[in-house]
Protein backbone atom coordinates (compact mmCIF):
# COMPACT_ATOMS: atom_id res chain seq x y z
CA UNK A 1 83.39 141.99 237.62
CA UNK A 2 80.47 143.75 235.69
CA UNK A 3 82.63 146.40 235.68
CA UNK A 4 85.67 145.46 234.52
CA UNK A 5 83.58 142.94 231.30
CA UNK A 6 82.06 147.12 230.78
CA UNK A 7 85.07 149.29 231.42
CA UNK A 8 86.80 146.50 228.91
CA UNK A 9 83.86 146.54 226.01
CA UNK A 10 84.55 150.35 226.34
CA UNK A 11 87.82 150.25 225.81
CA UNK A 12 87.49 147.94 222.88
CA UNK A 13 84.89 150.63 221.39
CA UNK A 14 87.16 152.96 221.53
CA UNK A 15 89.67 151.65 219.20
CA UNK A 16 87.69 153.55 216.48
CA UNK A 17 87.21 156.72 216.25
CA UNK A 18 85.47 158.46 213.43
CA UNK A 19 88.13 160.95 213.00
CA UNK A 20 89.94 158.01 211.16
CA UNK A 21 87.71 156.49 209.43
CA UNK A 22 88.15 156.81 205.74
CA UNK A 23 86.17 156.64 201.97
CA UNK A 24 86.34 153.33 200.24
CA UNK A 25 85.61 154.36 196.68
CA UNK A 26 86.17 151.06 193.75
CA UNK A 27 84.59 149.03 191.29
CA UNK A 28 84.09 145.20 190.82
CA UNK A 29 84.94 143.75 188.45
CA UNK A 30 85.74 140.12 186.56
CA UNK A 31 89.12 138.74 186.82
CA UNK A 32 88.75 136.84 183.40
CA UNK A 33 86.28 139.13 181.51
CA UNK A 34 87.33 141.99 183.37
CA UNK A 35 82.89 142.91 182.88
CA UNK A 36 81.64 145.23 185.96
CA UNK A 37 79.94 142.93 188.02
CA UNK A 38 76.79 145.02 189.24
CA UNK A 39 74.85 144.10 192.20
CA UNK A 40 77.65 142.75 194.56
CA UNK A 41 77.53 143.11 198.24
CA UNK A 42 80.09 144.57 200.10
CA UNK A 43 80.51 143.94 203.88
CA UNK A 44 82.11 144.80 206.60
CA UNK A 45 82.50 141.57 208.86
CA UNK A 46 83.14 144.17 211.75
CA UNK A 47 80.35 146.48 211.91
CA UNK A 48 78.26 143.59 210.27
CA UNK A 49 77.42 146.30 207.49
CA UNK A 50 77.92 147.47 204.61
CA UNK A 51 76.94 148.17 201.19
CA UNK A 52 75.60 147.14 197.73
CA UNK A 53 76.87 148.01 194.11
CA UNK A 54 74.82 149.56 191.40
CA UNK A 55 74.83 148.06 188.09
CA UNK A 56 77.86 149.42 187.06
CA UNK A 57 79.49 147.66 189.61
CA UNK A 58 80.47 150.64 191.94
CA UNK A 59 80.46 151.46 195.37
CA UNK A 60 81.54 153.64 198.01
CA UNK A 61 81.14 153.61 202.12
CA UNK A 62 82.88 154.84 205.15
CA UNK A 63 85.18 151.80 207.39
CA UNK A 64 88.44 151.74 208.83
CA UNK A 65 92.27 151.40 207.89
CA UNK A 66 92.26 148.60 209.62
CA UNK A 67 89.20 146.93 208.38
CA UNK A 68 88.36 144.14 205.68
CA UNK A 69 85.54 144.35 203.09
CA UNK A 70 84.22 140.80 201.86
CA UNK A 71 82.67 140.45 198.71
CA UNK A 72 79.98 138.70 198.11
CA UNK A 73 77.74 138.13 194.58
CA UNK A 74 75.65 135.16 193.31
CA UNK A 75 77.43 132.59 190.90
CA UNK A 76 81.51 134.11 191.73
CA UNK A 77 83.58 132.72 194.56
CA UNK A 78 83.66 134.93 198.22
CA UNK A 79 86.17 138.16 197.95
CA UNK A 80 88.29 139.39 200.81
CA UNK A 81 90.19 143.36 200.63
CA UNK A 82 91.45 144.92 203.35
CA UNK A 83 90.33 149.07 203.49
CA UNK A 84 94.59 149.38 203.31
CA UNK A 85 95.00 148.74 199.86
CA UNK A 86 92.03 150.69 198.12
CA UNK A 87 92.32 153.47 200.60
CA UNK A 88 93.31 157.03 198.94
CA UNK A 89 93.03 155.05 195.41
CA UNK A 90 91.42 156.67 192.66
CA UNK A 91 90.00 154.36 189.89
CA UNK A 92 90.55 151.80 192.31
CA UNK A 93 88.99 148.28 191.38
CA UNK A 94 88.04 144.83 193.11
CA UNK A 95 88.24 141.89 190.88
CA UNK A 96 86.09 138.36 192.00
CA UNK A 97 86.68 135.53 190.80
CA UNK A 98 83.51 132.79 189.27
CA UNK A 99 82.63 130.21 190.33
CA UNK A 100 84.39 126.24 188.55
CA UNK A 101 81.75 123.19 188.82
CA UNK A 102 84.59 120.53 187.72
CA UNK A 103 82.45 117.90 186.30
CA UNK A 104 82.71 114.46 185.56
CA UNK A 105 84.38 113.02 181.85
CA UNK A 106 81.79 112.13 179.88
CA UNK A 107 81.87 109.29 176.87
CA UNK A 108 81.09 110.95 173.81
CA UNK A 109 80.08 108.31 170.83
CA UNK A 110 78.32 109.09 167.81
CA UNK A 111 77.58 106.99 164.19
CA UNK A 112 79.05 108.26 161.28
CA UNK A 113 76.58 109.53 158.17
CA UNK A 114 75.95 106.34 155.95
CA UNK A 115 77.77 106.01 153.34
CA UNK A 116 74.78 106.61 150.44
CA UNK A 117 76.93 104.58 147.20
CA UNK A 118 74.71 106.06 144.30
CA UNK A 119 75.10 109.85 145.45
CA UNK A 120 71.43 110.21 145.58
CA UNK A 121 70.39 111.48 149.09
CA UNK A 122 67.60 109.81 149.79
CA UNK A 123 64.28 111.59 149.39
CA UNK A 124 61.57 112.63 151.92
CA UNK A 125 57.67 113.39 150.91
CA UNK A 126 56.81 116.15 152.88
CA UNK A 127 53.65 116.67 152.20
CA UNK A 128 52.83 112.88 152.69
CA UNK A 129 51.49 111.13 156.29
CA UNK A 130 54.00 109.78 158.44
CA UNK A 131 53.12 105.76 157.24
CA UNK A 132 53.99 106.82 153.61
CA UNK A 133 57.26 108.49 154.13
CA UNK A 134 60.38 106.94 152.97
CA UNK A 135 62.23 106.83 148.77
CA UNK A 136 59.83 108.08 145.85
CA UNK A 137 59.56 104.18 144.94
CA UNK A 138 58.53 102.63 148.23
CA UNK A 139 54.80 101.04 147.35
CA UNK A 140 52.65 101.06 150.58
CA UNK A 141 51.94 97.66 151.34
CA UNK A 142 48.75 96.27 151.60
CA UNK A 143 47.71 97.36 155.10
CA UNK A 144 47.90 101.21 154.60
CA UNK A 145 45.35 100.19 151.71
CA UNK A 146 43.50 98.46 155.30
CA UNK A 147 43.88 100.74 157.52
CA UNK A 148 45.02 104.27 155.65
CA UNK A 149 43.13 104.03 152.53
CA UNK A 150 43.32 107.94 152.19
CA UNK A 151 46.79 108.45 152.38
CA UNK A 152 46.92 104.95 150.28
CA UNK A 153 44.77 107.02 147.54
CA UNK A 154 46.75 109.90 147.84
CA UNK A 155 50.24 107.96 146.75
CA UNK A 156 48.66 105.84 144.25
CA UNK A 157 46.50 109.20 142.57
CA UNK A 158 48.50 112.40 143.19
CA UNK A 159 49.94 114.33 140.14
CA UNK A 160 52.54 115.20 142.65
CA UNK A 161 53.77 112.46 143.84
CA UNK A 162 54.22 110.51 140.65
CA UNK A 163 56.06 112.63 139.48
CA UNK A 164 58.85 113.35 142.37
CA UNK A 165 59.17 109.66 141.96
CA UNK A 166 59.42 109.89 138.42
CA UNK A 167 61.89 112.52 138.88
CA UNK A 168 63.66 110.22 141.42
CA UNK A 169 63.91 107.24 138.56
CA UNK A 170 65.54 109.17 136.07
CA UNK A 171 68.29 110.55 138.74
CA UNK A 172 69.11 107.19 140.16
CA UNK A 173 69.15 106.09 136.34
CA UNK A 174 71.87 108.11 135.58
CA UNK A 175 74.02 108.54 138.66
CA UNK A 176 73.60 104.59 137.95
CA UNK A 177 75.40 104.74 134.30
CA UNK A 178 77.63 107.72 135.53
CA UNK A 179 79.29 104.78 138.06
CA UNK A 180 78.84 101.95 135.71
CA UNK A 181 80.10 104.23 132.86
CA UNK A 182 83.60 104.13 135.36
CA UNK A 183 84.18 100.50 134.07
CA UNK A 184 82.37 99.78 131.39
CA UNK A 185 83.51 101.64 128.32
CA UNK A 186 84.62 101.67 124.48
CA UNK A 187 87.81 102.11 125.88
CA UNK A 188 87.71 99.30 127.60
CA UNK A 189 86.21 97.20 125.56
CA UNK A 190 89.02 98.75 122.53
CA UNK A 191 91.76 97.24 124.96
CA UNK A 192 90.17 93.76 125.67
CA UNK A 193 88.52 92.93 121.76
CA UNK A 194 91.54 95.05 119.68
CA UNK A 195 88.36 96.59 117.97
CA UNK A 196 88.22 99.73 116.58
CA UNK A 197 85.52 102.60 114.81
CA UNK A 198 82.47 100.82 113.22
CA UNK A 199 83.30 96.84 114.02
CA UNK A 200 83.71 98.02 118.23
CA UNK A 201 80.83 100.21 117.72
CA UNK A 202 78.96 96.90 116.47
CA UNK A 203 79.69 95.47 119.53
CA UNK A 204 78.85 97.95 121.47
CA UNK A 205 75.67 97.42 120.37
CA UNK A 206 76.31 93.86 121.18
CA UNK A 207 77.20 93.70 124.32
CA UNK A 208 74.30 96.23 125.39
CA UNK A 209 72.42 93.79 124.23
CA UNK A 210 73.49 90.84 126.57
CA UNK A 211 75.91 91.97 129.10
CA UNK A 212 73.33 91.14 132.31
CA UNK A 213 75.05 93.53 134.36
CA UNK A 214 74.08 95.81 137.39
CA UNK A 215 74.60 98.98 137.49
CA UNK A 216 77.56 98.35 140.48
CA UNK A 217 79.17 95.64 139.60
CA UNK A 218 83.42 95.77 139.09
CA UNK A 219 86.22 95.93 136.75
CA UNK A 220 86.53 92.63 136.59
CA UNK A 221 83.24 91.74 136.67
CA UNK A 222 82.95 93.35 133.93
CA UNK A 223 86.37 92.79 131.89
CA UNK A 224 84.59 89.07 132.44
CA UNK A 225 81.66 89.69 130.70
CA UNK A 226 83.18 91.27 127.46
CA UNK A 227 85.84 88.61 127.03
CA UNK A 228 82.68 86.18 127.07
CA UNK A 229 80.58 88.00 124.89
CA UNK A 230 83.54 88.97 122.43
CA UNK A 231 83.85 85.11 121.74
CA UNK A 232 79.85 84.65 121.84
CA UNK A 233 79.55 87.60 118.80
CA UNK A 234 83.24 86.36 116.74
CA UNK A 235 81.28 83.13 116.59
CA UNK A 236 77.48 85.24 115.42
CA UNK A 237 80.07 86.98 113.16
CA UNK A 238 81.42 83.62 111.16
CA UNK A 239 78.13 81.98 111.28
CA UNK A 240 77.08 84.53 108.96
CA UNK A 241 79.34 84.79 106.32
CA UNK A 242 79.26 80.91 106.19
CA UNK A 243 75.65 81.14 105.49
CA UNK A 244 74.75 81.68 102.18
């Protein structure tokens, strides 16, 4: 039995002869990008051996035409290629597919930026301690004076901080007037009262003194207030005419 087994193994080994070996040369590339894949392990499973590709993804080895080469590299799926497909080919290329992981879906939610109706971005005091950061006109509370006296005095006495607050107030006032003038202007007043020229200018002075409207008043509120003050204005005009 031992002789038969030994003879079988000897006969099996003789199926591969040195003169039948061929030289296999190829370059390994990514099948998506076409970039070379360096240092790939090239394994011949029959002989439990092989080689490694160089930094350009090129390799060369001797193999039997019936062998199959296995290519292994981190981040890529294993690739098996018969030697018969690579032999006697100049510039042969082996492509490998990168590993792709199917991830669970993720729900993405976000909150859009809040609209600043005044058009003036909320500024930050870069040199001010964190407990005092915010809008320039926001005054520090009593607790700040107790627990952070240095910061409190900085806010109160710093020339730079006063200039920042004054600048922001001027910007805000200018912006508020621009918004308010969209619904409050001489054209609207003239349309509602029928006044023109100097008479319209006199009424506008009166209206400015007694309108008491905020900058964000809507057009209905403005028109209503114009009509109310116009009646008062006409009444006063009549009283002045009656007086001796």
